[in-house]
Amino acid sequence: MKCILVLLSLLTLFQLKIRAQDEIHSTLFMMNKLLFNPAYAGSRDLTTINADYRNQWSAIKGAPTTLSAAVDGPVGNYNNYFREVAVGLSISSEQIGVETKQIFTGYYAYRIRLKNESILSFGLDGSAMLYSANYSLLDPYQPNDPNLARNIKSIMLPNFGAGLFWYSENYYLGLAVPNLLQDYYDLSEKKINNLASREVRGYYLNGGYVFHVDEAFDLLPQFMARYIGNGTYQLPFNCDLNVSGIIAKKFLFGATYRTDKSFEAIVQMQVTRNIFVGYAYDYLISALNGYNNGAHELIVGYDFVRGEARNEPPHFAKLF
């Protein structure tokens, strides 16, 4: 156990090595698209608010925990057949070892309806991250390590992101770069242009297709591919491959294989016409498996449904 704590401490000191965790990591990516792609805003054609909690590697002290809340929806008269502009907001808080991050993000999307009734959305976002690192909480082997001489207290790091999202009733495809800027966490490293202390830009590609097997069952394969790197450093390519079954457009059961050696089980339910809940469990098959209890993730959402739709029986507003 002590070796694991030392490893987490080292990862905290060398920011570059944990770049994969800098952007919010979600097994329920299919329910959290707004957090990494601003072009997703408004794509469900109603206003939605949701909250997500993730506890990763729960048996390891200092392992990542994340809490986020987001709201998005189209702008304009609800009775309009199609509203081009959509906006959104999100707040996220993440704790990794001695690091704390709070991220505030605003989203804007402009949507174009194409001739085949599909929609192409262009999105932008702007964010501000408050970053802190309390190195005094560490128990290093070298108490006089100069790298631990000062804490980092609530520095603000701005960033911008961009994305595309193309979708119709039965499919979607998204491409996003959530962090166009590559900030320095420690401003003293910026003064000497230490490239090893900078963020590394991430690229996200995801998609899915709904196969309508019969009136009561739909099959939905989806994927999320992540590449994080630049000319100086890159992390291994990572991809989530998910297949979900949807019963009566109300219950979803799915399984995911992640190429960094883990399996995930996913369930989702539309409890009422307004409320939905989802849960995911990650099981690692890597060497870390013996040191953790997997990861747990829970999402709860509320759809602001209007008009006659409020009286309809519970069902997903969209299957993706």
C-alpha atoms as a PDB file:
ATOM      1  CA  MET A   1       0.000   0.000   0.000  1.00  0.00           C
ATOM      2  CA  LYS A   2       2.865   2.375   0.771  1.00  0.00           C
ATOM      3  CA  CYS A   3       4.192   1.869  -2.760  1.00  0.00           C
ATOM      4  CA  ILE A   4       0.836   2.923  -4.183  1.00  0.00           C
ATOM      5  CA  LEU A   5       0.815   6.099  -2.069  1.00  0.00           C
ATOM      6  CA  VAL A   6       4.334   6.948  -3.199  1.00  0.00           C
ATOM      7  CA  LEU A   7       3.278   6.416  -6.807  1.00  0.00           C
ATOM      8  CA  LEU A   8       0.322   8.755  -6.442  1.00  0.00           C
ATOM      9  CA  SER A   9       2.573  11.368  -4.873  1.00  0.00           C
ATOM     10  CA  LEU A  10       4.987  11.166  -7.780  1.00  0.00           C
ATOM     11  CA  LEU A  11       2.144  11.498 -10.248  1.00  0.00           C
ATOM     12  CA  THR A  12       1.049  14.636  -8.447  1.00  0.00           C
ATOM     13  CA  LEU A  13       4.511  16.172  -8.779  1.00  0.00           C
ATOM     14  CA  PHE A  14       4.894  15.335 -12.447  1.00  0.00           C
ATOM     15  CA  GLN A  15       1.759  16.816 -13.963  1.00  0.00           C
ATOM     16  CA  LEU A  16       2.552  15.642 -17.447  1.00  0.00           C
ATOM     17  CA  LYS A  17       2.222  12.026 -16.473  1.00  0.00           C
ATOM     18  CA  ILE A  18      -1.397  12.359 -15.396  1.00  0.00           C
ATOM     19  CA  ARG A  19      -2.595  14.301 -18.418  1.00  0.00           C
ATOM     20  CA  ALA A  20      -5.200  11.623 -19.115  1.00  0.00           C
ATOM     21  CA  GLN A  21      -6.934  12.617 -15.875  1.00  0.00           C
ATOM     22  CA  ASP A  22      -6.790  16.394 -16.458  1.00  0.00           C
ATOM     23  CA  GLU A  23     -10.001  16.336 -18.443  1.00  0.00           C
ATOM     24  CA  ILE A  24     -12.917  14.643 -16.766  1.00  0.00           C
ATOM     25  CA  HIS A  25     -12.856  10.909 -17.330  1.00  0.00           C
ATOM     26  CA  SER A  26     -16.325   9.374 -17.581  1.00  0.00           C
ATOM     27  CA  THR A  27     -17.421   5.794 -18.189  1.00  0.00           C
ATOM     28  CA  LEU A  28     -20.868   7.283 -18.784  1.00  0.00           C
ATOM     29  CA  PHE A  29     -19.495   9.340 -21.684  1.00  0.00           C
ATOM     30  CA  MET A  30     -22.695   8.718 -23.653  1.00  0.00           C
ATOM     31  CA  MET A  31     -24.628  10.619 -20.964  1.00  0.00           C
ATOM     32  CA  ASN A  32     -21.956  13.301 -20.435  1.00  0.00           C
ATOM     33  CA  LYS A  33     -21.137  14.469 -23.960  1.00  0.00           C
ATOM     34  CA  LEU A  34     -21.405  18.177 -23.102  1.00  0.00           C
ATOM     35  CA  LEU A  35     -18.420  17.995 -20.738  1.00  0.00           C
ATOM     36  CA  PHE A  36     -15.983  17.264 -23.567  1.00  0.00           C
ATOM     37  CA  ASN A  37     -17.815  18.558 -26.668  1.00  0.00           C
ATOM     38  CA  PRO A  38     -19.489  22.006 -26.649  1.00  0.00           C
ATOM     39  CA  ALA A  39     -21.256  21.238 -29.942  1.00  0.00           C
ATOM     40  CA  TYR A  40     -23.479  18.754 -28.079  1.00  0.00           C
ATOM     41  CA  ALA A  41     -25.358  21.637 -26.385  1.00  0.00           C
ATOM     42  CA  GLY A  42     -29.059  21.605 -27.231  1.00  0.00           C
ATOM     43  CA  SER A  43     -28.951  18.390 -29.264  1.00  0.00           C
ATOM     44  CA  ARG A  44     -31.747  16.797 -27.229  1.00  0.00           C
ATOM     45  CA  ASP A  45     -34.031  19.734 -28.179  1.00  0.00           C
ATOM     46  CA  LEU A  46     -34.968  20.385 -24.569  1.00  0.00           C
ATOM     47  CA  THR A  47     -33.332  21.812 -21.487  1.00  0.00           C
ATOM     48  CA  THR A  48     -31.535  19.196 -19.388  1.00  0.00           C
ATOM     49  CA  ILE A  49     -29.732  19.414 -16.085  1.00  0.00           C
ATOM     50  CA  ASN A  50     -27.658  16.566 -14.662  1.00  0.00           C
ATOM     51  CA  ALA A  51     -25.174  15.788 -11.925  1.00  0.00           C
ATOM     52  CA  ASP A  52     -22.458  13.133 -12.113  1.00  0.00           C
ATOM     53  CA  TYR A  53     -20.278  11.628  -9.378  1.00  0.00           C
ATOM     54  CA  ARG A  54     -17.293   9.357 -10.062  1.00  0.00           C
ATOM     55  CA  ASN A  55     -15.155   7.530  -7.500  1.00  0.00           C
ATOM     56  CA  GLN A  56     -12.205   5.920  -9.274  1.00  0.00           C
ATOM     57  CA  TRP A  57     -10.027   3.183  -7.719  1.00  0.00           C
ATOM     58  CA  SER A  58     -12.006   3.522  -4.504  1.00  0.00           C
ATOM     59  CA  ALA A  59      -9.665   1.380  -2.363  1.00  0.00           C
ATOM     60  CA  ILE A  60      -6.609   3.568  -3.041  1.00  0.00           C
ATOM     61  CA  LYS A  61      -6.023   6.594  -0.837  1.00  0.00           C
ATOM     62  CA  GLY A  62      -5.825   9.769  -2.881  1.00  0.00           C
ATOM     63  CA  ALA A  63      -7.375   8.238  -6.012  1.00  0.00           C
ATOM     64  CA  PRO A  64      -9.470  10.531  -8.237  1.00  0.00           C
ATOM     65  CA  THR A  65     -12.976  11.609  -7.241  1.00  0.00           C
ATOM     66  CA  THR A  66     -15.018  13.870  -9.504  1.00  0.00           C
ATOM     67  CA  LEU A  67     -18.300  15.715  -9.111  1.00  0.00           C
ATOM     68  CA  SER A  68     -19.860  17.674 -11.963  1.00  0.00           C
ATOM     69  CA  ALA A  69     -23.138  19.395 -12.766  1.00  0.00           C
ATOM     70  CA  ALA A  70     -24.239  20.675 -16.176  1.00  0.00           C
ATOM     71  CA  VAL A  71     -27.214  22.311 -17.849  1.00  0.00           C
ATOM     72  CA  ASP A  72     -27.818  22.922 -21.558  1.00  0.00           C
ATOM     73  CA  GLY A  73     -30.628  23.599 -23.983  1.00  0.00           C
ATOM     74  CA  PRO A  74     -31.701  25.479 -27.108  1.00  0.00           C
ATOM     75  CA  VAL A  75     -32.356  29.228 -26.951  1.00  0.00           C
ATOM     76  CA  GLY A  76     -35.607  30.759 -28.193  1.00  0.00           C
ATOM     77  CA  ASN A  77     -39.321  30.033 -28.348  1.00  0.00           C
ATOM     78  CA  TYR A  78     -40.131  26.465 -27.323  1.00  0.00           C
ATOM     79  CA  ASN A  79     -42.819  26.286 -30.023  1.00  0.00           C
ATOM     80  CA  ASN A  80     -40.352  26.911 -32.848  1.00  0.00           C
ATOM     81  CA  TYR A  81     -39.771  23.840 -34.999  1.00  0.00           C
ATOM     82  CA  PHE A  82     -35.993  24.253 -34.854  1.00  0.00           C
ATOM     83  CA  ARG A  83     -33.804  26.526 -32.766  1.00  0.00           C
ATOM     84  CA  GLU A  84     -30.320  27.137 -34.158  1.00  0.00           C
ATOM     85  CA  VAL A  85     -28.577  28.441 -31.046  1.00  0.00           C
ATOM     86  CA  ALA A  86     -27.969  26.474 -27.861  1.00  0.00           C
ATOM     87  CA  VAL A  87     -26.011  27.263 -24.701  1.00  0.00           C
ATOM     88  CA  GLY A  88     -24.868  25.462 -21.580  1.00  0.00           C
ATOM     89  CA  LEU A  89     -22.985  25.743 -18.292  1.00  0.00           C
ATOM     90  CA  SER A  90     -21.073  23.236 -16.176  1.00  0.00           C
ATOM     91  CA  ILE A  91     -19.250  23.171 -12.852  1.00  0.00           C
ATOM     92  CA  SER A  92     -16.804  20.391 -12.020  1.00  0.00           C
ATOM     93  CA  SER A  93     -14.693  19.587  -8.984  1.00  0.00           C
ATOM     94  CA  GLU A  94     -11.943  16.985  -8.959  1.00  0.00           C
ATOM     95  CA  GLN A  95      -9.640  15.731  -6.217  1.00  0.00           C
ATOM     96  CA  ILE A  96      -6.515  13.708  -7.102  1.00  0.00           C
ATOM     97  CA  GLY A  97      -4.125  13.103  -4.240  1.00  0.00           C
ATOM     98  CA  VAL A  98      -3.102  16.534  -2.964  1.00  0.00           C
ATOM     99  CA  GLU A  99      -4.476  18.295  -6.054  1.00  0.00           C
ATOM    100  CA  THR A 100      -7.830  20.070  -6.222  1.00  0.00           C
ATOM    101  CA  LYS A 101      -9.439  21.478  -9.359  1.00  0.00           C
ATOM    102  CA  GLN A 102     -12.648  23.459  -9.825  1.00  0.00           C
ATOM    103  CA  ILE A 103     -13.633  24.110 -13.427  1.00  0.00           C
ATOM    104  CA  PHE A 104     -16.336  26.547 -14.581  1.00  0.00           C
ATOM    105  CA  THR A 105     -17.300  26.270 -18.256  1.00  0.00           C
ATOM    106  CA  GLY A 106     -19.711  28.033 -20.590  1.00  0.00           C
ATOM    107  CA  TYR A 107     -20.827  26.464 -23.902  1.00  0.00           C
ATOM    108  CA  TYR A 108     -22.195  27.858 -27.156  1.00  0.00           C
ATOM    109  CA  ALA A 109     -23.440  25.857 -30.148  1.00  0.00           C
ATOM    110  CA  TYR A 110     -24.782  26.900 -33.528  1.00  0.00           C
ATOM    111  CA  ARG A 111     -26.755  24.202 -35.334  1.00  0.00           C
ATOM    112  CA  ILE A 112     -27.557  23.785 -39.027  1.00  0.00           C
ATOM    113  CA  ARG A 113     -30.293  21.472 -40.292  1.00  0.00           C
ATOM    114  CA  LEU A 114     -29.090  19.617 -43.398  1.00  0.00           C
ATOM    115  CA  LYS A 115     -31.161  18.403 -46.350  1.00  0.00           C
ATOM    116  CA  ASN A 116     -31.316  14.834 -45.061  1.00  0.00           C
ATOM    117  CA  GLU A 117     -32.817  16.121 -41.772  1.00  0.00           C
ATOM    118  CA  SER A 118     -29.566  15.494 -39.909  1.00  0.00           C
ATOM    119  CA  ILE A 119     -28.068  18.349 -37.890  1.00  0.00           C
ATOM    120  CA  LEU A 120     -24.515  19.668 -37.898  1.00  0.00           C
ATOM    121  CA  SER A 121     -23.550  21.596 -34.786  1.00  0.00           C
ATOM    122  CA  PHE A 122     -20.520  23.839 -34.255  1.00  0.00           C
ATOM    123  CA  GLY A 123     -19.518  24.441 -30.648  1.00  0.00           C
ATOM    124  CA  LEU A 124     -17.187  26.623 -28.607  1.00  0.00           C
ATOM    125  CA  ASP A 125     -16.540  26.763 -24.889  1.00  0.00           C
ATOM    126  CA  GLY A 126     -14.614  28.936 -22.477  1.00  0.00           C
ATOM    127  CA  SER A 127     -13.503  27.777 -19.048  1.00  0.00           C
ATOM    128  CA  ALA A 128     -11.666  28.876 -15.935  1.00  0.00           C
ATOM    129  CA  MET A 129      -9.963  26.335 -13.687  1.00  0.00           C
ATOM    130  CA  LEU A 130      -8.957  27.031 -10.097  1.00  0.00           C
ATOM    131  CA  TYR A 131      -6.016  24.752  -9.322  1.00  0.00           C
ATOM    132  CA  SER A 132      -4.471  24.021  -5.914  1.00  0.00           C
ATOM    133  CA  ALA A 133      -1.810  21.565  -4.725  1.00  0.00           C
ATOM    134  CA  ASN A 134      -1.154  21.083  -1.013  1.00  0.00           C
ATOM    135  CA  TYR A 135       2.247  19.359  -0.983  1.00  0.00           C
ATOM    136  CA  SER A 136       2.432  19.613   2.820  1.00  0.00           C
ATOM    137  CA  LEU A 137       0.014  16.665   3.000  1.00  0.00           C
ATOM    138  CA  LEU A 138       2.571  14.364   1.418  1.00  0.00           C
ATOM    139  CA  ASP A 139       4.904  12.116   3.391  1.00  0.00           C
ATOM    140  CA  PRO A 140       7.996  12.063   1.156  1.00  0.00           C
ATOM    141  CA  TYR A 141      11.100   9.931   1.603  1.00  0.00           C
ATOM    142  CA  GLN A 142      13.170  13.134   1.305  1.00  0.00           C
ATOM    143  CA  PRO A 143      11.641  15.712   3.686  1.00  0.00           C
ATOM    144  CA  ASN A 144      13.780  18.535   2.267  1.00  0.00           C
ATOM    145  CA  ASP A 145      12.793  17.929  -1.349  1.00  0.00           C
ATOM    146  CA  PRO A 146      12.815  21.428  -2.959  1.00  0.00           C
ATOM    147  CA  ASN A 147       9.915  20.447  -5.220  1.00  0.00           C
ATOM    148  CA  LEU A 148       7.696  20.347  -2.117  1.00  0.00           C
ATOM    149  CA  ALA A 149       8.851  23.660  -0.667  1.00  0.00           C
ATOM    150  CA  ARG A 150       5.778  25.625  -1.748  1.00  0.00           C
ATOM    151  CA  ASN A 151       2.114  24.872  -2.212  1.00  0.00           C
ATOM    152  CA  ILE A 152       0.063  26.093  -5.166  1.00  0.00           C
ATOM    153  CA  LYS A 153      -3.013  28.004  -4.033  1.00  0.00           C
ATOM    154  CA  SER A 154      -5.991  28.603  -6.303  1.00  0.00           C
ATOM    155  CA  ILE A 155      -4.278  29.831  -9.433  1.00  0.00           C
ATOM    156  CA  MET A 156      -6.723  30.494 -12.270  1.00  0.00           C
ATOM    157  CA  LEU A 157      -6.054  28.833 -15.617  1.00  0.00           C
ATOM    158  CA  PRO A 158      -8.250  29.915 -18.550  1.00  0.00           C
ATOM    159  CA  ASN A 159      -8.913  27.653 -21.499  1.00  0.00           C
ATOM    160  CA  PHE A 160     -11.009  27.270 -24.637  1.00  0.00           C
ATOM    161  CA  GLY A 161     -12.422  24.302 -26.517  1.00  0.00           C
ATOM    162  CA  ALA A 162     -14.084  23.580 -29.843  1.00  0.00           C
ATOM    163  CA  GLY A 163     -16.117  20.766 -31.295  1.00  0.00           C
ATOM    164  CA  LEU A 164     -18.319  19.415 -34.075  1.00  0.00           C
ATOM    165  CA  PHE A 165     -21.362  17.215 -33.556  1.00  0.00           C
ATOM    166  CA  TRP A 166     -23.299  15.631 -36.448  1.00  0.00           C
ATOM    167  CA  TYR A 167     -26.424  13.690 -35.608  1.00  0.00           C
ATOM    168  CA  SER A 168     -29.837  12.513 -36.688  1.00  0.00           C
ATOM    169  CA  GLU A 169     -32.525  10.349 -35.108  1.00  0.00           C
ATOM    170  CA  ASN A 170     -30.437   7.170 -35.453  1.00  0.00           C
ATOM    171  CA  TYR A 171     -26.754   8.140 -35.338  1.00  0.00           C
ATOM    172  CA  TYR A 172     -24.208  10.652 -34.114  1.00  0.00           C
ATOM    173  CA  LEU A 173     -20.554  11.507 -34.652  1.00  0.00           C
ATOM    174  CA  GLY A 174     -18.569  14.014 -32.637  1.00  0.00           C
ATOM    175  CA  LEU A 175     -15.072  15.489 -32.722  1.00  0.00           C
ATOM    176  CA  ALA A 176     -13.748  17.819 -30.033  1.00  0.00           C
ATOM    177  CA  VAL A 177     -10.622  19.460 -28.643  1.00  0.00           C
ATOM    178  CA  PRO A 178     -11.604  20.492 -25.078  1.00  0.00           C
ATOM    179  CA  ASN A 179      -8.355  22.292 -24.180  1.00  0.00           C
ATOM    180  CA  LEU A 180      -6.902  24.358 -27.007  1.00  0.00           C
ATOM    181  CA  LEU A 181      -4.527  26.092 -24.591  1.00  0.00           C
ATOM    182  CA  GLN A 182      -1.763  24.126 -22.862  1.00  0.00           C
ATOM    183  CA  ASP A 183      -1.494  25.833 -19.496  1.00  0.00           C
ATOM    184  CA  TYR A 184       1.223  25.666 -16.874  1.00  0.00           C
ATOM    185  CA  TYR A 185       0.018  24.524 -13.470  1.00  0.00           C
ATOM    186  CA  ASP A 186       3.043  26.066 -11.752  1.00  0.00           C
ATOM    187  CA  LEU A 187       3.695  29.604 -12.972  1.00  0.00           C
ATOM    188  CA  SER A 188       7.342  29.348 -11.886  1.00  0.00           C
ATOM    189  CA  GLU A 189       7.789  26.632 -14.502  1.00  0.00           C
ATOM    190  CA  LYS A 190       6.318  28.955 -17.129  1.00  0.00           C
ATOM    191  CA  LYS A 191       9.078  31.500 -16.505  1.00  0.00           C
ATOM    192  CA  ILE A 192      11.741  28.979 -17.512  1.00  0.00           C
ATOM    193  CA  ASN A 193       9.572  27.446 -20.273  1.00  0.00           C
ATOM    194  CA  ASN A 194       9.718  23.937 -18.782  1.00  0.00           C
ATOM    195  CA  LEU A 195       7.738  21.989 -21.397  1.00  0.00           C
ATOM    196  CA  ALA A 196       7.527  18.969 -19.107  1.00  0.00           C
ATOM    197  CA  SER A 197       5.257  20.917 -16.743  1.00  0.00           C
ATOM    198  CA  ARG A 198       2.619  21.913 -19.276  1.00  0.00           C
ATOM    199  CA  GLU A 199      -0.754  20.433 -20.053  1.00  0.00           C
ATOM    200  CA  VAL A 200      -0.955  18.288 -23.154  1.00  0.00           C
ATOM    201  CA  ARG A 201      -3.784  18.871 -25.618  1.00  0.00           C
ATOM    202  CA  GLY A 202      -6.437  16.149 -25.935  1.00  0.00           C
ATOM    203  CA  TYR A 203      -8.515  15.079 -28.953  1.00  0.00           C
ATOM    204  CA  TYR A 204     -11.822  13.226 -28.661  1.00  0.00           C
ATOM    205  CA  LEU A 205     -13.785  11.290 -31.295  1.00  0.00           C
ATOM    206  CA  ASN A 206     -17.041   9.517 -30.489  1.00  0.00           C
ATOM    207  CA  GLY A 207     -20.002   8.077 -32.330  1.00  0.00           C
ATOM    208  CA  GLY A 208     -22.940   5.710 -32.176  1.00  0.00           C
ATOM    209  CA  TYR A 209     -25.754   4.135 -34.197  1.00  0.00           C
ATOM    210  CA  VAL A 210     -29.219   2.904 -33.173  1.00  0.00           C
ATOM    211  CA  PHE A 211     -30.383  -0.399 -34.680  1.00  0.00           C
ATOM    212  CA  HIS A 212     -34.153  -0.758 -34.243  1.00  0.00           C
ATOM    213  CA  VAL A 213     -34.451  -4.522 -33.782  1.00  0.00           C
ATOM    214  CA  ASP A 214     -38.189  -4.398 -33.060  1.00  0.00           C
ATOM    215  CA  GLU A 215     -40.718  -2.128 -31.374  1.00  0.00           C
ATOM    216  CA  ALA A 216     -39.514  -3.033 -27.892  1.00  0.00           C
ATOM    217  CA  PHE A 217     -35.759  -3.400 -28.351  1.00  0.00           C
ATOM    218  CA  ASP A 218     -32.981  -1.248 -29.793  1.00  0.00           C
ATOM    219  CA  LEU A 219     -29.278  -1.999 -30.058  1.00  0.00           C
ATOM    220  CA  LEU A 220     -26.854   0.891 -29.680  1.00  0.00           C
ATOM    221  CA  PRO A 221     -23.109   0.413 -30.274  1.00  0.00           C
ATOM    222  CA  GLN A 222     -20.986   3.440 -29.330  1.00  0.00           C
ATOM    223  CA  PHE A 223     -17.341   4.373 -29.032  1.00  0.00           C
ATOM    224  CA  MET A 224     -15.192   7.060 -27.467  1.00  0.00           C
ATOM    225  CA  ALA A 225     -11.607   7.450 -28.698  1.00  0.00           C
ATOM    226  CA  ARG A 226      -9.115   9.695 -26.895  1.00  0.00           C
ATOM    227  CA  TYR A 227      -5.696  10.839 -28.024  1.00  0.00           C
ATOM    228  CA  ILE A 228      -3.624  13.088 -25.795  1.00  0.00           C
ATOM    229  CA  GLY A 229      -0.302  14.352 -27.073  1.00  0.00           C
ATOM    230  CA  ASN A 230       1.817  16.945 -28.804  1.00  0.00           C
ATOM    231  CA  GLY A 231       5.274  17.100 -30.301  1.00  0.00           C
ATOM    232  CA  THR A 232       6.882  16.716 -26.879  1.00  0.00           C
ATOM    233  CA  TYR A 233       4.839  13.973 -25.227  1.00  0.00           C
ATOM    234  CA  GLN A 234       1.916  11.662 -25.885  1.00  0.00           C
ATOM    235  CA  LEU A 235      -0.066   9.170 -23.870  1.00  0.00           C
ATOM    236  CA  PRO A 236      -1.183   5.793 -25.258  1.00  0.00           C
ATOM    237  CA  PHE A 237      -4.253   5.880 -27.491  1.00  0.00           C
ATOM    238  CA  ASN A 238      -7.351   5.015 -25.477  1.00  0.00           C
ATOM    239  CA  CYS A 239     -10.778   3.881 -26.674  1.00  0.00           C
ATOM    240  CA  ASP A 240     -14.070   2.843 -25.046  1.00  0.00           C
ATOM    241  CA  LEU A 241     -16.114   0.332 -27.076  1.00  0.00           C
ATOM    242  CA  ASN A 242     -19.673   0.057 -25.799  1.00  0.00           C
ATOM    243  CA  VAL A 243     -22.693  -2.017 -26.814  1.00  0.00           C
ATOM    244  CA  SER A 244     -26.001  -1.258 -25.114  1.00  0.00           C
ATOM    245  CA  GLY A 245     -29.454  -2.743 -25.347  1.00  0.00           C
ATOM    246  CA  ILE A 246     -32.493  -0.511 -24.844  1.00  0.00           C
ATOM    247  CA  ILE A 247     -35.791  -2.049 -23.736  1.00  0.00           C
ATOM    248  CA  ALA A 248     -39.037  -0.193 -24.391  1.00  0.00           C
ATOM    249  CA  LYS A 249     -37.028   3.030 -24.780  1.00  0.00           C
ATOM    250  CA  LYS A 250     -36.916   3.162 -20.974  1.00  0.00           C
ATOM    251  CA  PHE A 251     -34.223   0.757 -19.710  1.00  0.00           C
ATOM    252  CA  LEU A 252     -30.633   0.619 -20.938  1.00  0.00           C
ATOM    253  CA  PHE A 253     -28.132  -2.148 -20.167  1.00  0.00           C
ATOM    254  CA  GLY A 254     -24.648  -2.003 -21.613  1.00  0.00           C
ATOM    255  CA  ALA A 255     -21.097  -3.296 -21.475  1.00  0.00           C
ATOM    256  CA  THR A 256     -17.894  -1.457 -22.385  1.00  0.00           C
ATOM    257  CA  TYR A 257     -14.362  -2.575 -23.068  1.00  0.00           C
ATOM    258  CA  ARG A 258     -11.700   0.073 -22.533  1.00  0.00           C
ATOM    259  CA  THR A 259      -8.422  -0.511 -24.318  1.00  0.00           C
ATOM    260  CA  ASP A 260      -6.397   0.455 -21.241  1.00  0.00           C
ATOM    261  CA  LYS A 261      -7.519  -2.906 -19.826  1.00  0.00           C
ATOM    262  CA  SER A 262     -10.839  -2.571 -18.081  1.00  0.00           C
ATOM    263  CA  PHE A 263     -14.457  -3.669 -18.481  1.00  0.00           C
ATOM    264  CA  GLU A 264     -17.467  -1.559 -17.538  1.00  0.00           C
ATOM    265  CA  ALA A 265     -21.104  -2.384 -16.846  1.00  0.00           C
ATOM    266  CA  ILE A 266     -23.689   0.354 -17.453  1.00  0.00           C
ATOM    267  CA  VAL A 267     -27.365   0.698 -16.571  1.00  0.00           C
ATOM    268  CA  GLN A 268     -29.726   3.606 -17.168  1.00  0.00           C
ATOM    269  CA  MET A 269     -33.418   4.123 -16.509  1.00  0.00           C
ATOM    270  CA  GLN A 270     -35.950   6.803 -17.341  1.00  0.00           C
ATOM    271  CA  VAL A 271     -37.693   6.850 -13.962  1.00  0.00           C
ATOM    272  CA  THR A 272     -40.353   9.402 -14.905  1.00  0.00           C
ATOM    273  CA  ARG A 273     -40.901  11.506 -18.004  1.00  0.00           C
ATOM    274  CA  ASN A 274     -38.538  14.071 -16.437  1.00  0.00           C
ATOM    275  CA  ILE A 275     -36.040  12.098 -14.354  1.00  0.00           C
ATOM    276  CA  PHE A 276     -33.370   9.634 -15.472  1.00  0.00           C
ATOM    277  CA  VAL A 277     -30.602   7.868 -13.551  1.00  0.00           C
ATOM    278  CA  GLY A 278     -27.534   5.952 -14.686  1.00  0.00           C
ATOM    279  CA  TYR A 279     -24.810   3.900 -13.012  1.00  0.00           C
ATOM    280  CA  ALA A 280     -21.508   2.407 -14.181  1.00  0.00           C
ATOM    281  CA  TYR A 281     -18.973   0.098 -12.587  1.00  0.00           C
ATOM    282  CA  ASP A 282     -15.411  -0.292 -13.879  1.00  0.00           C
ATOM    283  CA  TYR A 283     -13.456  -3.509 -13.366  1.00  0.00           C
ATOM    284  CA  LEU A 284      -9.742  -3.333 -14.108  1.00  0.00           C
ATOM    285  CA  ILE A 285      -7.897  -6.267 -15.667  1.00  0.00           C
ATOM    286  CA  SER A 286      -4.514  -4.531 -15.477  1.00  0.00           C
ATOM    287  CA  ALA A 287      -1.824  -4.979 -12.820  1.00  0.00           C
ATOM    288  CA  LEU A 288      -3.631  -2.405 -10.664  1.00  0.00           C
ATOM    289  CA  ASN A 289      -6.570  -4.760 -10.201  1.00  0.00           C
ATOM    290  CA  GLY A 290      -5.284  -6.189  -6.914  1.00  0.00           C
ATOM    291  CA  TYR A 291      -5.059  -2.754  -5.282  1.00  0.00           C
ATOM    292  CA  ASN A 292      -8.471  -1.230  -5.928  1.00  0.00           C
ATOM    293  CA  ASN A 293     -12.194  -1.891  -5.775  1.00  0.00           C
ATOM    294  CA  GLY A 294     -12.871  -0.652  -9.293  1.00  0.00           C
ATOM    295  CA  ALA A 295     -14.622   2.620 -10.074  1.00  0.00           C
ATOM    296  CA  HIS A 296     -18.204   3.703  -9.446  1.00  0.00           C
ATOM    297  CA  GLU A 297     -20.056   6.397 -11.351  1.00  0.00           C
ATOM    298  CA  LEU A 298     -23.575   7.724 -10.848  1.00  0.00           C
ATOM    299  CA  ILE A 299     -25.535  10.255 -12.895  1.00  0.00           C
ATOM    300  CA  VAL A 300     -28.932  11.812 -12.186  1.00  0.00           C
ATOM    301  CA  GLY A 301     -30.676  14.050 -14.699  1.00  0.00           C
ATOM    302  CA  TYR A 302     -33.824  16.100 -15.121  1.00  0.00           C
ATOM    303  CA  ASP A 303     -35.446  17.014 -18.462  1.00  0.00           C
ATOM    304  CA  PHE A 304     -37.667  20.082 -18.616  1.00  0.00           C
ATOM    305  CA  VAL A 305     -40.496  18.576 -20.674  1.00  0.00           C
ATOM    306  CA  ARG A 306     -43.331  20.830 -21.778  1.00  0.00           C
ATOM    307  CA  GLY A 307     -46.717  20.566 -23.451  1.00  0.00           C
ATOM    308  CA  GLU A 308     -48.463  17.269 -24.058  1.00  0.00           C
ATOM    309  CA  ALA A 309     -45.187  15.383 -23.729  1.00  0.00           C
ATOM    310  CA  ARG A 310     -45.428  15.790 -19.952  1.00  0.00           C
ATOM    311  CA  ASN A 311     -48.278  13.247 -19.914  1.00  0.00           C
ATOM    312  CA  GLU A 312     -46.465  10.604 -21.945  1.00  0.00           C
ATOM    313  CA  PRO A 313     -45.187   7.456 -20.198  1.00  0.00           C
ATOM    314  CA  PRO A 314     -41.486   7.482 -19.219  1.00  0.00           C
ATOM    315  CA  HIS A 315     -39.098   7.062 -22.160  1.00  0.00           C
ATOM    316  CA  PHE A 316     -35.764   8.479 -23.281  1.00  0.00           C
ATOM    317  CA  ALA A 317     -36.134  11.754 -25.171  1.00  0.00           C
ATOM    318  CA  LYS A 318     -33.379  10.368 -27.411  1.00  0.00           C
ATOM    319  CA  LEU A 319     -31.623   7.024 -27.422  1.00  0.00           C
ATOM    320  CA  PHE A 320     -28.161   8.586 -27.385  1.00  0.00           C
END
